[in-house]
PDB file of N, CA and C in Angstrom:
ATOM      1  N   MET A   1      19.331  16.851  -3.189  1.00  0.00           N
ATOM      2  CA  MET A   1      17.999  16.664  -3.706  1.00  0.00           C
ATOM      3  C   MET A   1      17.018  17.517  -2.971  1.00  0.00           C
ATOM      4  N   SER A   2      16.093  18.175  -3.662  1.00  0.00           N
ATOM      5  CA  SER A   2      15.085  18.951  -2.996  1.00  0.00           C
ATOM      6  C   SER A   2      13.710  18.415  -3.342  1.00  0.00           C
ATOM      7  N   VAL A   3      12.813  18.583  -2.433  1.00  0.00           N
ATOM      8  CA  VAL A   3      11.427  18.124  -2.610  1.00  0.00           C
ATOM      9  C   VAL A   3      10.555  19.348  -2.756  1.00  0.00           C
ATOM     10  N   ARG A   4       9.767  19.408  -3.819  1.00  0.00           N
ATOM     11  CA  ARG A   4       8.876  20.529  -4.008  1.00  0.00           C
ATOM     12  C   ARG A   4       7.432  20.033  -3.917  1.00  0.00           C
ATOM     13  N   TYR A   5       6.646  20.735  -3.153  1.00  0.00           N
ATOM     14  CA  TYR A   5       5.233  20.357  -3.010  1.00  0.00           C
ATOM     15  C   TYR A   5       4.410  21.627  -3.084  1.00  0.00           C
ATOM     16  N   ARG A   6       3.547  21.701  -4.065  1.00  0.00           N
ATOM     17  CA  ARG A   6       2.678  22.862  -4.199  1.00  0.00           C
ATOM     18  C   ARG A   6       1.317  22.472  -3.690  1.00  0.00           C
ATOM     19  N   ALA A   7       0.842  23.211  -2.726  1.00  0.00           N
ATOM     20  CA  ALA A   7      -0.484  22.922  -2.118  1.00  0.00           C
ATOM     21  C   ALA A   7      -1.575  23.441  -3.016  1.00  0.00           C
ATOM     22  N   ALA A   8      -2.158  22.609  -3.827  1.00  0.00           N
ATOM     23  CA  ALA A   8      -3.233  22.980  -4.741  1.00  0.00           C
ATOM     24  C   ALA A   8      -4.534  22.487  -4.171  1.00  0.00           C
ATOM     25  N   GLY A   9      -5.341  23.387  -3.704  1.00  0.00           N
ATOM     26  CA  GLY A   9      -6.645  23.022  -3.195  1.00  0.00           C
ATOM     27  C   GLY A   9      -6.613  22.493  -1.763  1.00  0.00           C
ATOM     28  N   ILE A  10      -5.476  22.672  -1.113  1.00  0.00           N
ATOM     29  CA  ILE A  10      -5.317  22.205   0.270  1.00  0.00           C
ATOM     30  C   ILE A  10      -5.363  23.423   1.186  1.00  0.00           C
ATOM     31  N   GLY A  11      -6.184  23.328   2.238  1.00  0.00           N
ATOM     32  CA  GLY A  11      -6.313  24.420   3.175  1.00  0.00           C
ATOM     33  C   GLY A  11      -5.248  24.448   4.213  1.00  0.00           C
ATOM     34  N   ALA A  12      -4.744  23.322   4.634  1.00  0.00           N
ATOM     35  CA  ALA A  12      -3.667  23.272   5.617  1.00  0.00           C
ATOM     36  C   ALA A  12      -2.874  22.025   5.375  1.00  0.00           C
ATOM     37  N   LEU A  13      -1.684  22.024   5.881  1.00  0.00           N
ATOM     38  CA  LEU A  13      -0.718  20.974   5.593  1.00  0.00           C
ATOM     39  C   LEU A  13      -0.082  20.540   6.877  1.00  0.00           C
ATOM     40  N   ALA A  14       0.048  19.264   7.094  1.00  0.00           N
ATOM     41  CA  ALA A  14       0.808  18.752   8.223  1.00  0.00           C
ATOM     42  C   ALA A  14       2.136  18.244   7.715  1.00  0.00           C
ATOM     43  N   VAL A  15       3.212  18.737   8.283  1.00  0.00           N
ATOM     44  CA  VAL A  15       4.527  18.331   7.843  1.00  0.00           C
ATOM     45  C   VAL A  15       5.083  17.373   8.926  1.00  0.00           C
ATOM     46  N   ALA A  16       5.524  16.209   8.483  1.00  0.00           N
ATOM     47  CA  ALA A  16       6.085  15.261   9.424  1.00  0.00           C
ATOM     48  C   ALA A  16       7.431  14.784   8.877  1.00  0.00           C
ATOM     49  N   LEU A  17       8.373  14.618   9.768  1.00  0.00           N
ATOM     50  CA  LEU A  17       9.688  14.146   9.390  1.00  0.00           C
ATOM     51  C   LEU A  17       9.876  12.794  10.114  1.00  0.00           C
ATOM     52  N   THR A  18       9.924  11.741   9.336  1.00  0.00           N
ATOM     53  CA  THR A  18      10.094  10.389   9.884  1.00  0.00           C
ATOM     54  C   THR A  18      11.181   9.688   9.137  1.00  0.00           C
ATOM     55  N   ALA A  19      12.189   9.285   9.831  1.00  0.00           N
ATOM     56  CA  ALA A  19      13.352   8.592   9.235  1.00  0.00           C
ATOM     57  C   ALA A  19      13.877   9.328   8.005  1.00  0.00           C
ATOM     58  N   GLY A  20      13.943  10.658   8.097  1.00  0.00           N
ATOM     59  CA  GLY A  20      14.535  11.475   7.047  1.00  0.00           C
ATOM     60  C   GLY A  20      13.625  11.755   5.876  1.00  0.00           C
ATOM     61  N   VAL A  21      12.343  11.405   5.934  1.00  0.00           N
ATOM     62  CA  VAL A  21      11.428  11.658   4.821  1.00  0.00           C
ATOM     63  C   VAL A  21      10.379  12.675   5.245  1.00  0.00           C
ATOM     64  N   ILE A  22      10.167  13.704   4.418  1.00  0.00           N
ATOM     65  CA  ILE A  22       9.136  14.681   4.701  1.00  0.00           C
ATOM     66  C   ILE A  22       7.836  14.172   4.152  1.00  0.00           C
ATOM     67  N   VAL A  23       6.812  14.152   4.968  1.00  0.00           N
ATOM     68  CA  VAL A  23       5.496  13.684   4.571  1.00  0.00           C
ATOM     69  C   VAL A  23       4.522  14.819   4.681  1.00  0.00           C
ATOM     70  N   ALA A  24       3.805  15.163   3.607  1.00  0.00           N
ATOM     71  CA  ALA A  24       2.780  16.197   3.638  1.00  0.00           C
ATOM     72  C   ALA A  24       1.413  15.581   3.591  1.00  0.00           C
ATOM     73  N   VAL A  25       0.550  15.917   4.533  1.00  0.00           N
ATOM     74  CA  VAL A  25      -0.773  15.331   4.667  1.00  0.00           C
ATOM     75  C   VAL A  25      -1.800  16.425   4.713  1.00  0.00           C
ATOM     76  N   GLN A  26      -2.880  16.276   3.932  1.00  0.00           N
ATOM     77  CA  GLN A  26      -3.932  17.300   3.934  1.00  0.00           C
ATOM     78  C   GLN A  26      -4.637  17.330   5.270  1.00  0.00           C
ATOM     79  N   GLN A  27      -4.918  18.553   5.760  1.00  0.00           N
ATOM     80  CA  GLN A  27      -5.626  18.748   7.027  1.00  0.00           C
ATOM     81  C   GLN A  27      -6.898  19.528   6.720  1.00  0.00           C
ATOM     82  N   PRO A  28      -7.876  19.532   7.628  1.00  0.00           N
ATOM     83  CA  PRO A  28      -9.093  20.293   7.376  1.00  0.00           C
ATOM     84  C   PRO A  28      -8.803  21.739   7.116  1.00  0.00           C
ATOM     85  N   SER A  29      -9.552  22.343   6.134  1.00  0.00           N
ATOM     86  CA  SER A  29      -9.314  23.737   5.763  1.00  0.00           C
ATOM     87  C   SER A  29      -9.706  24.715   6.849  1.00  0.00           C
ATOM     88  N   SER A  30     -10.430  24.262   7.845  1.00  0.00           N
ATOM     89  CA  SER A  30     -10.862  25.189   8.882  1.00  0.00           C
ATOM     90  C   SER A  30      -9.697  25.699   9.711  1.00  0.00           C
ATOM     91  N   ILE A  31      -8.513  25.093   9.662  1.00  0.00           N
ATOM     92  CA  ILE A  31      -7.393  25.565  10.410  1.00  0.00           C
ATOM     93  C   ILE A  31      -6.428  26.412   9.578  1.00  0.00           C
ATOM     94  N   ALA A  32      -6.796  26.658   8.308  1.00  0.00           N
ATOM     95  CA  ALA A  32      -5.942  27.430   7.427  1.00  0.00           C
ATOM     96  C   ALA A  32      -5.930  28.918   7.807  1.00  0.00           C
ATOM     97  N   THR A  33      -4.761  29.541   7.689  1.00  0.00           N
ATOM     98  CA  THR A  33      -4.614  30.962   7.907  1.00  0.00           C
ATOM     99  C   THR A  33      -4.046  31.523   6.661  1.00  0.00           C
ATOM    100  N   PRO A  34      -4.745  32.519   6.000  1.00  0.00           N
ATOM    101  CA  PRO A  34      -4.233  33.103   4.774  1.00  0.00           C
ATOM    102  C   PRO A  34      -2.924  33.826   4.973  1.00  0.00           C
ATOM    103  N   VAL A  35      -2.043  33.791   3.947  1.00  0.00           N
ATOM    104  CA  VAL A  35      -0.811  34.500   3.934  1.00  0.00           C
ATOM    105  C   VAL A  35      -0.945  35.602   2.876  1.00  0.00           C
ATOM    106  N   ALA A  36      -0.542  36.798   3.190  1.00  0.00           N
ATOM    107  CA  ALA A  36      -0.710  37.927   2.257  1.00  0.00           C
ATOM    108  C   ALA A  36       0.044  37.632   0.941  1.00  0.00           C
ATOM    109  N   SER A  37      -0.634  37.905  -0.173  1.00  0.00           N
ATOM    110  CA  SER A  37      -0.113  37.662  -1.507  1.00  0.00           C
ATOM    111  C   SER A  37       1.190  38.446  -1.700  1.00  0.00           C
ATOM    112  N   GLY A  38       2.173  37.788  -2.252  1.00  0.00           N
ATOM    113  CA  GLY A  38       3.426  38.422  -2.585  1.00  0.00           C
ATOM    114  C   GLY A  38       4.410  38.518  -1.429  1.00  0.00           C
ATOM    115  N   SER A  39       4.022  38.176  -0.216  1.00  0.00           N
ATOM    116  CA  SER A  39       4.947  38.289   0.908  1.00  0.00           C
ATOM    117  C   SER A  39       5.382  36.883   1.318  1.00  0.00           C
ATOM    118  N   PRO A  40       6.640  36.533   1.062  1.00  0.00           N
ATOM    119  CA  PRO A  40       7.104  35.214   1.439  1.00  0.00           C
ATOM    120  C   PRO A  40       7.100  35.017   2.969  1.00  0.00           C
ATOM    121  N   ALA A  41       6.747  33.828   3.414  1.00  0.00           N
ATOM    122  CA  ALA A  41       6.710  33.547   4.841  1.00  0.00           C
ATOM    123  C   ALA A  41       7.240  32.155   5.101  1.00  0.00           C
ATOM    124  N   ASN A  42       8.037  32.010   6.129  1.00  0.00           N
ATOM    125  CA  ASN A  42       8.438  30.671   6.567  1.00  0.00           C
ATOM    126  C   ASN A  42       7.363  30.163   7.494  1.00  0.00           C
ATOM    127  N   LEU A  43       6.598  29.204   6.996  1.00  0.00           N
ATOM    128  CA  LEU A  43       5.459  28.664   7.732  1.00  0.00           C
ATOM    129  C   LEU A  43       5.850  27.622   8.741  1.00  0.00           C
ATOM    130  N   VAL A  44       7.043  27.075   8.627  1.00  0.00           N
ATOM    131  CA  VAL A  44       7.485  26.029   9.573  1.00  0.00           C
ATOM    132  C   VAL A  44       8.168  26.705  10.757  1.00  0.00           C
ATOM    133  N   GLN A  45       7.667  26.498  11.911  1.00  0.00           N
ATOM    134  CA  GLN A  45       8.227  27.083  13.146  1.00  0.00           C
ATOM    135  C   GLN A  45       9.439  26.272  13.584  1.00  0.00           C
ATOM    136  N   ASN A  46      10.536  26.946  13.927  1.00  0.00           N
ATOM    137  CA  ASN A  46      11.710  26.272  14.470  1.00  0.00           C
ATOM    138  C   ASN A  46      12.241  25.208  13.520  1.00  0.00           C
ATOM    139  N   GLY A  47      12.270  25.561  12.215  1.00  0.00           N
ATOM    140  CA  GLY A  47      12.658  24.592  11.219  1.00  0.00           C
ATOM    141  C   GLY A  47      14.099  24.075  11.308  1.00  0.00           C
ATOM    142  N   SER A  48      14.999  24.817  11.916  1.00  0.00           N
ATOM    143  CA  SER A  48      16.374  24.366  12.112  1.00  0.00           C
ATOM    144  C   SER A  48      16.614  23.758  13.481  1.00  0.00           C
ATOM    145  N   PHE A  49      15.543  23.583  14.235  1.00  0.00           N
ATOM    146  CA  PHE A  49      15.635  22.953  15.587  1.00  0.00           C
ATOM    147  C   PHE A  49      16.586  23.661  16.489  1.00  0.00           C
ATOM    148  N   GLU A  50      16.606  25.033  16.449  1.00  0.00           N
ATOM    149  CA  GLU A  50      17.529  25.826  17.278  1.00  0.00           C
ATOM    150  C   GLU A  50      16.963  26.057  18.679  1.00  0.00           C
ATOM    151  N   SER A  51      15.712  25.727  18.916  1.00  0.00           N
ATOM    152  CA  SER A  51      15.081  25.972  20.230  1.00  0.00           C
ATOM    153  C   SER A  51      14.455  24.662  20.707  1.00  0.00           C
ATOM    154  N   PRO A  52      14.680  24.306  21.934  1.00  0.00           N
ATOM    155  CA  PRO A  52      15.498  24.999  22.952  1.00  0.00           C
ATOM    156  C   PRO A  52      16.977  24.796  22.647  1.00  0.00           C
ATOM    157  N   SER A  53      17.785  25.768  23.048  1.00  0.00           N
ATOM    158  CA  SER A  53      19.225  25.701  22.822  1.00  0.00           C
ATOM    159  C   SER A  53      19.846  24.712  23.793  1.00  0.00           C
ATOM    160  N   ILE A  54      20.642  23.776  23.263  1.00  0.00           N
ATOM    161  CA  ILE A  54      21.273  22.748  24.106  1.00  0.00           C
ATOM    162  C   ILE A  54      22.781  22.886  24.091  1.00  0.00           C
ATOM    163  N   TRP A  55      23.262  24.059  23.679  1.00  0.00           N
ATOM    164  CA  TRP A  55      24.720  24.247  23.528  1.00  0.00           C
ATOM    165  C   TRP A  55      25.507  23.955  24.791  1.00  0.00           C
ATOM    166  N   GLN A  56      24.909  24.099  25.961  1.00  0.00           N
ATOM    167  CA  GLN A  56      25.587  23.831  27.200  1.00  0.00           C
ATOM    168  C   GLN A  56      25.768  22.319  27.470  1.00  0.00           C
ATOM    169  N   THR A  57      24.954  21.487  26.824  1.00  0.00           N
ATOM    170  CA  THR A  57      25.098  20.054  27.059  1.00  0.00           C
ATOM    171  C   THR A  57      26.210  19.436  26.235  1.00  0.00           C
ATOM    172  N   ASN A  58      26.664  20.120  25.205  1.00  0.00           N
ATOM    173  CA  ASN A  58      27.740  19.645  24.347  1.00  0.00           C
ATOM    174  C   ASN A  58      27.453  18.359  23.571  1.00  0.00           C
ATOM    175  N   SER A  59      26.241  17.864  23.576  1.00  0.00           N
ATOM    176  CA  SER A  59      25.985  16.694  22.741  1.00  0.00           C
ATOM    177  C   SER A  59      24.534  16.612  22.358  1.00  0.00           C
ATOM    178  N   LEU A  60      23.682  15.913  23.131  1.00  0.00           N
ATOM    179  CA  LEU A  60      22.332  15.690  22.736  1.00  0.00           C
ATOM    180  C   LEU A  60      21.402  15.595  23.951  1.00  0.00           C
ATOM    181  N   VAL A  61      20.101  15.850  23.660  1.00  0.00           N
ATOM    182  CA  VAL A  61      19.073  15.703  24.681  1.00  0.00           C
ATOM    183  C   VAL A  61      17.983  14.852  24.041  1.00  0.00           C
ATOM    184  N   GLU A  62      17.524  13.822  24.764  1.00  0.00           N
ATOM    185  CA  GLU A  62      16.500  12.909  24.256  1.00  0.00           C
ATOM    186  C   GLU A  62      15.112  13.425  24.661  1.00  0.00           C
ATOM    187  N   TYR A  63      14.166  13.404  23.733  1.00  0.00           N
ATOM    188  CA  TYR A  63      12.765  13.774  23.996  1.00  0.00           C
ATOM    189  C   TYR A  63      11.893  12.570  23.673  1.00  0.00           C
ATOM    190  N   ASP A  64      11.012  12.186  24.589  1.00  0.00           N
ATOM    191  CA  ASP A  64      10.136  11.056  24.404  1.00  0.00           C
ATOM    192  C   ASP A  64       8.904  11.406  23.596  1.00  0.00           C
ATOM    193  N   SER A  65       8.183  10.396  23.127  1.00  0.00           N
ATOM    194  CA  SER A  65       6.987  10.555  22.346  1.00  0.00           C
ATOM    195  C   SER A  65       6.003  11.471  23.090  1.00  0.00           C
ATOM    196  N   GLY A  66       5.366  12.353  22.366  1.00  0.00           N
ATOM    197  CA  GLY A  66       4.408  13.287  22.930  1.00  0.00           C
ATOM    198  C   GLY A  66       5.017  14.602  23.375  1.00  0.00           C
ATOM    199  N   SER A  67       6.337  14.684  23.467  1.00  0.00           N
ATOM    200  CA  SER A  67       6.995  15.902  23.912  1.00  0.00           C
ATOM    201  C   SER A  67       6.779  17.043  22.953  1.00  0.00           C
ATOM    202  N   THR A  68       6.557  18.241  23.509  1.00  0.00           N
ATOM    203  CA  THR A  68       6.460  19.456  22.721  1.00  0.00           C
ATOM    204  C   THR A  68       7.531  20.463  23.168  1.00  0.00           C
ATOM    205  N   ALA A  69       8.623  19.938  23.720  1.00  0.00           N
ATOM    206  CA  ALA A  69       9.703  20.797  24.257  1.00  0.00           C
ATOM    207  C   ALA A  69      10.418  21.595  23.166  1.00  0.00           C
ATOM    208  N   MET A  70      10.382  21.072  21.909  1.00  0.00           N
ATOM    209  CA  MET A  70      10.948  21.839  20.772  1.00  0.00           C
ATOM    210  C   MET A  70       9.786  22.661  20.169  1.00  0.00           C
ATOM    211  N   PRO A  71       9.791  24.002  20.350  1.00  0.00           N
ATOM    212  CA  PRO A  71       8.656  24.793  19.874  1.00  0.00           C
ATOM    213  C   PRO A  71       8.263  24.486  18.444  1.00  0.00           C
ATOM    214  N   GLY A  72       6.956  24.224  18.255  1.00  0.00           N
ATOM    215  CA  GLY A  72       6.420  23.924  16.921  1.00  0.00           C
ATOM    216  C   GLY A  72       6.351  22.442  16.608  1.00  0.00           C
ATOM    217  N   TRP A  73       7.123  21.626  17.262  1.00  0.00           N
ATOM    218  CA  TRP A  73       7.223  20.207  16.922  1.00  0.00           C
ATOM    219  C   TRP A  73       6.665  19.332  18.035  1.00  0.00           C
ATOM    220  N   THR A  74       6.051  18.231  17.615  1.00  0.00           N
ATOM    221  CA  THR A  74       5.587  17.174  18.516  1.00  0.00           C
ATOM    222  C   THR A  74       6.339  15.872  18.181  1.00  0.00           C
ATOM    223  N   VAL A  75       6.899  15.248  19.181  1.00  0.00           N
ATOM    224  CA  VAL A  75       7.637  14.009  18.994  1.00  0.00           C
ATOM    225  C   VAL A  75       6.677  12.825  18.940  1.00  0.00           C
ATOM    226  N   GLY A  76       6.871  11.964  17.972  1.00  0.00           N
ATOM    227  CA  GLY A  76       6.084  10.740  17.831  1.00  0.00           C
ATOM    228  C   GLY A  76       6.984   9.528  17.837  1.00  0.00           C
ATOM    229  N   GLY A  77       6.438   8.380  17.630  1.00  0.00           N
ATOM    230  CA  GLY A  77       7.209   7.155  17.695  1.00  0.00           C
ATOM    231  C   GLY A  77       7.713   6.903  19.117  1.00  0.00           C
ATOM    232  N   ASN A  78       8.939   6.500  19.249  1.00  0.00           N
ATOM    233  CA  ASN A  78       9.514   6.251  20.583  1.00  0.00           C
ATOM    234  C   ASN A  78      10.132   7.520  21.144  1.00  0.00           C
ATOM    235  N   SER A  79      11.178   8.013  20.528  1.00  0.00           N
ATOM    236  CA  SER A  79      11.880   9.200  21.013  1.00  0.00           C
ATOM    237  C   SER A  79      12.794   9.730  19.922  1.00  0.00           C
ATOM    238  N   ILE A  80      13.276  10.953  20.084  1.00  0.00           N
ATOM    239  CA  ILE A  80      14.259  11.578  19.216  1.00  0.00           C
ATOM    240  C   ILE A  80      15.349  12.184  20.050  1.00  0.00           C
ATOM    241  N   ASP A  81      16.444  12.539  19.439  1.00  0.00           N
ATOM    242  CA  ASP A  81      17.521  13.275  20.113  1.00  0.00           C
ATOM    243  C   ASP A  81      17.680  14.604  19.420  1.00  0.00           C
ATOM    244  N   LEU A  82      17.674  15.685  20.224  1.00  0.00           N
ATOM    245  CA  LEU A  82      18.061  16.972  19.733  1.00  0.00           C
ATOM    246  C   LEU A  82      19.564  17.046  19.887  1.00  0.00           C
ATOM    247  N   VAL A  83      20.275  17.276  18.786  1.00  0.00           N
ATOM    248  CA  VAL A  83      21.732  17.108  18.738  1.00  0.00           C
ATOM    249  C   VAL A  83      22.399  18.499  18.625  1.00  0.00           C
ATOM    250  N   GLY A  84      23.339  18.710  19.525  1.00  0.00           N
ATOM    251  CA  GLY A  84      24.096  19.994  19.514  1.00  0.00           C
ATOM    252  C   GLY A  84      25.243  19.971  18.537  1.00  0.00           C
ATOM    253  N   GLU A  85      25.862  21.140  18.380  1.00  0.00           N
ATOM    254  CA  GLU A  85      26.883  21.331  17.370  1.00  0.00           C
ATOM    255  C   GLU A  85      28.175  20.535  17.698  1.00  0.00           C
ATOM    256  N   ASN A  86      28.406  20.140  18.897  1.00  0.00           N
ATOM    257  CA  ASN A  86      29.621  19.397  19.218  1.00  0.00           C
ATOM    258  C   ASN A  86      29.522  17.902  18.925  1.00  0.00           C
ATOM    259  N   TYR A  87      28.364  17.444  18.465  1.00  0.00           N
ATOM    260  CA  TYR A  87      28.136  16.052  18.142  1.00  0.00           C
ATOM    261  C   TYR A  87      28.423  15.766  16.699  1.00  0.00           C
ATOM    262  N   TRP A  88      27.800  16.577  15.787  1.00  0.00           N
ATOM    263  CA  TRP A  88      28.085  16.541  14.356  1.00  0.00           C
ATOM    264  C   TRP A  88      27.621  17.862  13.788  1.00  0.00           C
ATOM    265  N   ASP A  89      27.958  18.170  12.548  1.00  0.00           N
ATOM    266  CA  ASP A  89      27.596  19.448  11.911  1.00  0.00           C
ATOM    267  C   ASP A  89      26.172  19.418  11.464  1.00  0.00           C
ATOM    268  N   ALA A  90      25.394  20.407  11.846  1.00  0.00           N
ATOM    269  CA  ALA A  90      24.007  20.547  11.421  1.00  0.00           C
ATOM    270  C   ALA A  90      23.985  21.091   9.979  1.00  0.00           C
ATOM    271  N   GLU A  91      22.994  20.766   9.212  1.00  0.00           N
ATOM    272  CA  GLU A  91      22.854  21.270   7.862  1.00  0.00           C
ATOM    273  C   GLU A  91      22.613  22.774   7.900  1.00  0.00           C
ATOM    274  N   ASP A  92      21.850  23.250   8.888  1.00  0.00           N
ATOM    275  CA  ASP A  92      21.516  24.664   9.013  1.00  0.00           C
ATOM    276  C   ASP A  92      21.477  25.033  10.466  1.00  0.00           C
ATOM    277  N   GLY A  93      22.208  26.045  10.901  1.00  0.00           N
ATOM    278  CA  GLY A  93      22.247  26.399  12.299  1.00  0.00           C
ATOM    279  C   GLY A  93      23.204  25.573  13.090  1.00  0.00           C
ATOM    280  N   ASP A  94      22.981  25.446  14.380  1.00  0.00           N
ATOM    281  CA  ASP A  94      23.888  24.738  15.267  1.00  0.00           C
ATOM    282  C   ASP A  94      23.331  23.420  15.788  1.00  0.00           C
ATOM    283  N   GLN A  95      22.048  23.111  15.573  1.00  0.00           N
ATOM    284  CA  GLN A  95      21.450  21.904  16.107  1.00  0.00           C
ATOM    285  C   GLN A  95      20.704  21.150  15.012  1.00  0.00           C
ATOM    286  N   SER A  96      20.483  19.864  15.274  1.00  0.00           N
ATOM    287  CA  SER A  96      19.752  19.014  14.345  1.00  0.00           C
ATOM    288  C   SER A  96      19.032  17.959  15.104  1.00  0.00           C
ATOM    289  N   VAL A  97      18.281  17.097  14.427  1.00  0.00           N
ATOM    290  CA  VAL A  97      17.501  16.050  15.081  1.00  0.00           C
ATOM    291  C   VAL A  97      17.942  14.671  14.609  1.00  0.00           C
ATOM    292  N   ASP A  98      18.183  13.792  15.547  1.00  0.00           N
ATOM    293  CA  ASP A  98      18.432  12.385  15.300  1.00  0.00           C
ATOM    294  C   ASP A  98      17.107  11.685  15.544  1.00  0.00           C
ATOM    295  N   LEU A  99      16.552  11.116  14.497  1.00  0.00           N
ATOM    296  CA  LEU A  99      15.181  10.495  14.578  1.00  0.00           C
ATOM    297  C   LEU A  99      15.172   9.111  15.223  1.00  0.00           C
ATOM    298  N   SER A 100      16.300   8.722  15.780  1.00  0.00           N
ATOM    299  CA  SER A 100      16.301   7.421  16.514  1.00  0.00           C
ATOM    300  C   SER A 100      16.892   7.666  17.875  1.00  0.00           C
ATOM    301  N   GLY A 101      16.077   8.053  18.843  1.00  0.00           N
ATOM    302  CA  GLY A 101      16.573   8.240  20.206  1.00  0.00           C
ATOM    303  C   GLY A 101      16.838   6.897  20.796  1.00  0.00           C
ATOM    304  N   ALA A 102      16.012   6.462  21.780  1.00  0.00           N
ATOM    305  CA  ALA A 102      16.155   5.092  22.330  1.00  0.00           C
ATOM    306  C   ALA A 102      15.666   4.081  21.328  1.00  0.00           C
ATOM    307  N   ALA A 103      14.777   4.462  20.427  1.00  0.00           N
ATOM    308  CA  ALA A 103      14.250   3.642  19.325  1.00  0.00           C
ATOM    309  C   ALA A 103      13.682   4.625  18.291  1.00  0.00           C
ATOM    310  N   PRO A 104      13.289   4.164  17.078  1.00  0.00           N
ATOM    311  CA  PRO A 104      12.862   5.093  16.061  1.00  0.00           C
ATOM    312  C   PRO A 104      11.722   6.011  16.493  1.00  0.00           C
ATOM    313  N   GLY A 105      11.874   7.303  16.108  1.00  0.00           N
ATOM    314  CA  GLY A 105      10.907   8.321  16.454  1.00  0.00           C
ATOM    315  C   GLY A 105      10.598   9.188  15.275  1.00  0.00           C
ATOM    316  N   SER A 106       9.838  10.239  15.488  1.00  0.00           N
ATOM    317  CA  SER A 106       9.492  11.172  14.418  1.00  0.00           C
ATOM    318  C   SER A 106       9.184  12.538  15.050  1.00  0.00           C
ATOM    319  N   VAL A 107       9.147  13.573  14.238  1.00  0.00           N
ATOM    320  CA  VAL A 107       8.662  14.874  14.643  1.00  0.00           C
ATOM    321  C   VAL A 107       7.644  15.347  13.648  1.00  0.00           C
ATOM    322  N   SER A 108       6.655  16.057  14.125  1.00  0.00           N
ATOM    323  CA  SER A 108       5.625  16.550  13.184  1.00  0.00           C
ATOM    324  C   SER A 108       5.150  17.954  13.584  1.00  0.00           C
ATOM    325  N   GLN A 109       4.538  18.654  12.660  1.00  0.00           N
ATOM    326  CA  GLN A 109       4.096  19.994  12.862  1.00  0.00           C
ATOM    327  C   GLN A 109       2.972  20.318  11.866  1.00  0.00           C
ATOM    328  N   ALA A 110       1.887  20.907  12.351  1.00  0.00           N
ATOM    329  CA  ALA A 110       0.814  21.346  11.467  1.00  0.00           C
ATOM    330  C   ALA A 110       1.173  22.748  10.972  1.00  0.00           C
ATOM    331  N   VAL A 111       1.022  22.966   9.649  1.00  0.00           N
ATOM    332  CA  VAL A 111       1.365  24.247   9.052  1.00  0.00           C
ATOM    333  C   VAL A 111       0.152  24.758   8.288  1.00  0.00           C
ATOM    334  N   ALA A 112      -0.355  25.951   8.667  1.00  0.00           N
ATOM    335  CA  ALA A 112      -1.486  26.525   7.975  1.00  0.00           C
ATOM    336  C   ALA A 112      -1.013  27.099   6.613  1.00  0.00           C
ATOM    337  N   THR A 113      -1.782  26.844   5.567  1.00  0.00           N
ATOM    338  CA  THR A 113      -1.387  27.312   4.246  1.00  0.00           C
ATOM    339  C   THR A 113      -2.612  27.951   3.536  1.00  0.00           C
ATOM    340  N   THR A 114      -2.285  28.623   2.446  1.00  0.00           N
ATOM    341  CA  THR A 114      -3.301  29.087   1.511  1.00  0.00           C
ATOM    342  C   THR A 114      -3.212  28.210   0.283  1.00  0.00           C
ATOM    343  N   ALA A 115      -4.308  27.677  -0.189  1.00  0.00           N
ATOM    344  CA  ALA A 115      -4.351  26.786  -1.349  1.00  0.00           C
ATOM    345  C   ALA A 115      -3.579  27.382  -2.521  1.00  0.00           C
ATOM    346  N   GLY A 116      -2.631  26.583  -3.070  1.00  0.00           N
ATOM    347  CA  GLY A 116      -1.884  26.997  -4.214  1.00  0.00           C
ATOM    348  C   GLY A 116      -0.787  28.008  -3.959  1.00  0.00           C
ATOM    349  N   ALA A 117      -0.513  28.353  -2.669  1.00  0.00           N
ATOM    350  CA  ALA A 117       0.435  29.436  -2.423  1.00  0.00           C
ATOM    351  C   ALA A 117       1.637  28.971  -1.605  1.00  0.00           C
ATOM    352  N   ILE A 118       1.922  27.711  -1.509  1.00  0.00           N
ATOM    353  CA  ILE A 118       3.106  27.277  -0.774  1.00  0.00           C
ATOM    354  C   ILE A 118       3.941  26.292  -1.602  1.00  0.00           C
ATOM    355  N   GLU A 119       5.222  26.422  -1.454  1.00  0.00           N
ATOM    356  CA  GLU A 119       6.143  25.520  -2.140  1.00  0.00           C
ATOM    357  C   GLU A 119       7.200  25.141  -1.143  1.00  0.00           C
ATOM    358  N   ILE A 120       7.355  23.813  -0.857  1.00  0.00           N
ATOM    359  CA  ILE A 120       8.359  23.355   0.056  1.00  0.00           C
ATOM    360  C   ILE A 120       9.536  22.866  -0.749  1.00  0.00           C
ATOM    361  N   THR A 121      10.708  23.337  -0.469  1.00  0.00           N
ATOM    362  CA  THR A 121      11.912  22.913  -1.199  1.00  0.00           C
ATOM    363  C   THR A 121      12.933  22.376  -0.255  1.00  0.00           C
TER     364      THR A 121
END
């Protein structure tokens, strides 16, 4: 299943992942950064959770609420686990996120957009 969201009239978008659900929330347009017409851009930083690399730990690293150790992402709720490739297979890349560290958590990221020019799939 894919989720498509076209930002119509929205200056910026906050993307949050909580319990496996992507939530898009309108943010003030003053933080929007235009993207050149016709040039595709991945606006989500570190979308496959490949940084920081935890391949040497062979399993997972727990990050508490408020952590920004994963570039682009802020941990909310209680905590999350960054999971390495030896724990389970990631959908993309070698790492993934378990949204229930010690207790349910979340990750979020603000993404600057141009109104009507972004589609999340």
